[in-house]
């Protein structure tokens, strides 16, 4: 875990509002369907001004901390906000300091382990402390880079 400066990014994609408690219950979990939709071949092919082929997950609009509701948007990075395709939203990830973790290995286990490391850091009063504003996962062929706002 290292502190780094995260650059601003605009993501266009699909969004859901959920909680970690809901996500632990397969009957109530919303993220699997979101990821299935976003990961479908060509899901973002019609989005103009794309930066790359990475998938970006933005966690934002935190109700409180990791125990409260949050919004997750999974999509593609864009240079400018295009006319939004139906059913999609755009979100700006502001530049700022973030804790950076790398998740490598078998997914989604490696990513879940990285998030658990962050939960442990938060609950133990680790510094710098999370601010629960806007967090970012960058999914690329080598794994996932996680940027958590501090």
Protein backbone atom coordinates (compact mmCIF):
# COMPACT_ATOMS: atom_id res chain seq x y z
CA UNK A 1 0.00 0.00 0.00
CA UNK A 2 1.46 3.35 -1.06
CA UNK A 3 0.18 6.91 -1.22
CA UNK A 4 0.12 8.30 -4.74
CA UNK A 5 -1.44 11.15 -6.68
CA UNK A 6 -4.42 9.99 -8.72
CA UNK A 7 -5.15 11.83 -11.97
CA UNK A 8 -8.63 13.05 -12.87
CA UNK A 9 -10.67 10.65 -14.97
CA UNK A 10 -14.13 10.60 -16.55
CA UNK A 11 -15.90 7.24 -16.69
CA UNK A 12 -19.01 6.40 -18.72
CA UNK A 13 -20.82 3.23 -17.76
CA UNK A 14 -23.58 1.45 -15.89
CA UNK A 15 -24.41 2.20 -12.23
CA UNK A 16 -26.01 0.53 -9.22
CA UNK A 17 -26.50 1.58 -5.59
CA UNK A 18 -25.71 -1.12 -3.05
CA UNK A 19 -24.10 -1.97 0.30
CA UNK A 20 -21.45 -4.48 1.31
CA UNK A 21 -24.10 -6.30 3.40
CA UNK A 22 -26.33 -6.70 0.33
CA UNK A 23 -23.36 -7.93 -1.72
CA UNK A 24 -22.72 -10.76 0.76
CA UNK A 25 -26.23 -12.11 0.11
CA UNK A 26 -26.44 -13.71 -3.37
CA UNK A 27 -30.20 -13.06 -3.48
CA UNK A 28 -29.69 -9.29 -2.98
CA UNK A 29 -26.28 -8.73 -4.63
CA UNK A 30 -26.36 -6.24 -7.51
CA UNK A 31 -22.68 -6.14 -8.47
CA UNK A 32 -22.51 -9.51 -10.28
CA UNK A 33 -25.20 -8.40 -12.77
CA UNK A 34 -23.52 -5.02 -13.17
CA UNK A 35 -20.18 -6.66 -13.96
CA UNK A 36 -21.79 -9.16 -16.31
CA UNK A 37 -23.41 -6.31 -18.24
CA UNK A 38 -20.23 -4.20 -18.31
CA UNK A 39 -18.02 -7.16 -19.19
CA UNK A 40 -20.11 -8.28 -22.14
CA UNK A 41 -18.23 -8.17 -25.46
CA UNK A 42 -18.70 -4.78 -27.08
CA UNK A 43 -20.51 -3.27 -24.08
CA UNK A 44 -18.71 0.05 -24.60
CA UNK A 45 -17.81 -0.17 -28.30
CA UNK A 46 -20.35 2.55 -29.13
CA UNK A 47 -18.99 5.02 -26.52
CA UNK A 48 -16.98 7.73 -28.32
CA UNK A 49 -13.69 9.27 -27.10
CA UNK A 50 -12.58 6.16 -25.18
CA UNK A 51 -9.14 6.26 -23.56
CA UNK A 52 -8.29 2.56 -23.69
CA UNK A 53 -9.68 -0.95 -23.33
CA UNK A 54 -9.53 -1.02 -19.51
CA UNK A 55 -12.63 -1.39 -17.39
CA UNK A 56 -12.98 1.19 -14.63
CA UNK A 57 -15.04 0.75 -11.48
CA UNK A 58 -15.85 3.95 -9.60
CA UNK A 59 -17.15 3.71 -6.03
CA UNK A 60 -18.73 6.98 -4.94
CA UNK A 61 -21.64 8.67 -3.15
CA UNK A 62 -20.75 6.90 0.09
CA UNK A 63 -23.51 7.18 2.67
CA UNK A 64 -20.95 6.92 5.46
CA UNK A 65 -18.08 4.43 5.45
CA UNK A 66 -17.61 0.84 4.24
CA UNK A 67 -20.73 -0.12 6.22
CA UNK A 68 -23.08 2.27 4.38
CA UNK A 69 -24.58 2.44 0.91
CA UNK A 70 -22.48 3.48 -2.08
CA UNK A 71 -22.83 3.77 -5.85
CA UNK A 72 -20.65 1.72 -8.18
CA UNK A 73 -20.25 2.67 -11.83
CA UNK A 74 -18.47 0.21 -14.13
CA UNK A 75 -17.45 1.54 -17.50
CA UNK A 76 -14.84 2.94 -19.81
CA UNK A 77 -12.58 5.96 -19.43
CA UNK A 78 -13.27 8.81 -21.87
CA UNK A 79 -11.46 11.98 -22.93
CA UNK A 80 -14.65 14.06 -22.97
CA UNK A 81 -18.22 13.31 -21.98
CA UNK A 82 -20.04 12.17 -25.09
CA UNK A 83 -23.75 12.09 -25.63
CA UNK A 84 -24.54 9.34 -23.18
CA UNK A 85 -25.80 6.07 -24.58
CA UNK A 86 -29.16 5.08 -23.12
CA UNK A 87 -28.90 3.51 -19.68
CA UNK A 88 -25.41 4.89 -19.02
CA UNK A 89 -24.14 7.61 -16.70
CA UNK A 90 -20.97 9.69 -16.61
CA UNK A 91 -18.94 10.27 -13.45
CA UNK A 92 -15.90 12.45 -12.84
CA UNK A 93 -13.21 10.93 -10.64
CA UNK A 94 -11.39 13.93 -9.19
CA UNK A 95 -7.62 14.11 -8.97
CA UNK A 96 -6.25 13.66 -5.49
CA UNK A 97 -4.20 11.61 -3.10
CA UNK A 98 -5.01 7.93 -2.89
CA UNK A 99 -3.78 4.73 -1.33
CA UNK A 100 -2.74 2.47 -4.21
CA UNK A 101 -2.92 -1.30 -4.03
CA UNK A 102 -2.24 -3.85 -6.74
CA UNK A 103 -4.43 -6.95 -7.02
CA UNK A 104 -2.67 -9.64 -9.01
CA UNK A 105 -3.48 -13.29 -9.47
CA UNK A 106 -6.76 -15.16 -9.68
CA UNK A 107 -9.72 -12.79 -9.88
CA UNK A 108 -11.97 -11.94 -8.18
CA UNK A 109 -10.20 -13.43 -5.12
CA UNK A 110 -7.13 -11.19 -5.49
CA UNK A 111 -9.32 -8.09 -5.67
CA UNK A 112 -11.40 -9.18 -2.67
CA UNK A 113 -8.17 -9.67 -0.70
CA UNK A 114 -7.01 -6.15 -1.62
CA UNK A 115 -10.33 -4.69 -0.45
CA UNK A 116 -10.11 -6.70 2.77
CA UNK A 117 -6.63 -5.26 3.33
CA UNK A 118 -8.19 -1.79 3.01
CA UNK A 119 -11.01 -2.63 5.41
CA UNK A 120 -8.44 -3.86 7.95
CA UNK A 121 -6.42 -0.65 7.42
CA UNK A 122 -9.57 1.45 8.01
CA UNK A 123 -10.83 -0.46 11.03
CA UNK A 124 -7.41 -0.46 12.71
CA UNK A 125 -7.17 3.34 12.38
CA UNK A 126 -4.38 3.12 9.80
CA UNK A 127 -2.93 6.30 8.34
CA UNK A 128 -3.55 7.94 6.10
CA UNK A 129 -7.22 7.34 6.70
CA UNK A 130 -9.83 6.83 3.99
CA UNK A 131 -12.15 9.73 3.27
CA UNK A 132 -14.96 7.77 1.53
CA UNK A 133 -15.43 10.19 -1.35
CA UNK A 134 -14.52 8.54 -4.68
CA UNK A 135 -12.49 5.36 -5.11
CA UNK A 136 -11.33 3.76 -8.35
CA UNK A 137 -10.48 0.29 -9.62
CA UNK A 138 -8.59 0.04 -12.91
CA UNK A 139 -9.06 -3.42 -14.45
CA UNK A 140 -6.39 -4.21 -17.06
CA UNK A 141 -4.82 -7.38 -18.53
CA UNK A 142 -2.25 -7.57 -15.69
CA UNK A 143 -4.78 -7.36 -12.85
CA UNK A 144 -6.42 -4.51 -10.95
CA UNK A 145 -4.97 -1.27 -9.58
CA UNK A 146 -7.04 0.09 -6.71
CA UNK A 147 -6.97 3.79 -5.77
CA UNK A 148 -8.72 4.69 -2.51
CA UNK A 149 -9.15 8.37 -1.62
CA UNK A 150 -7.30 9.58 1.49
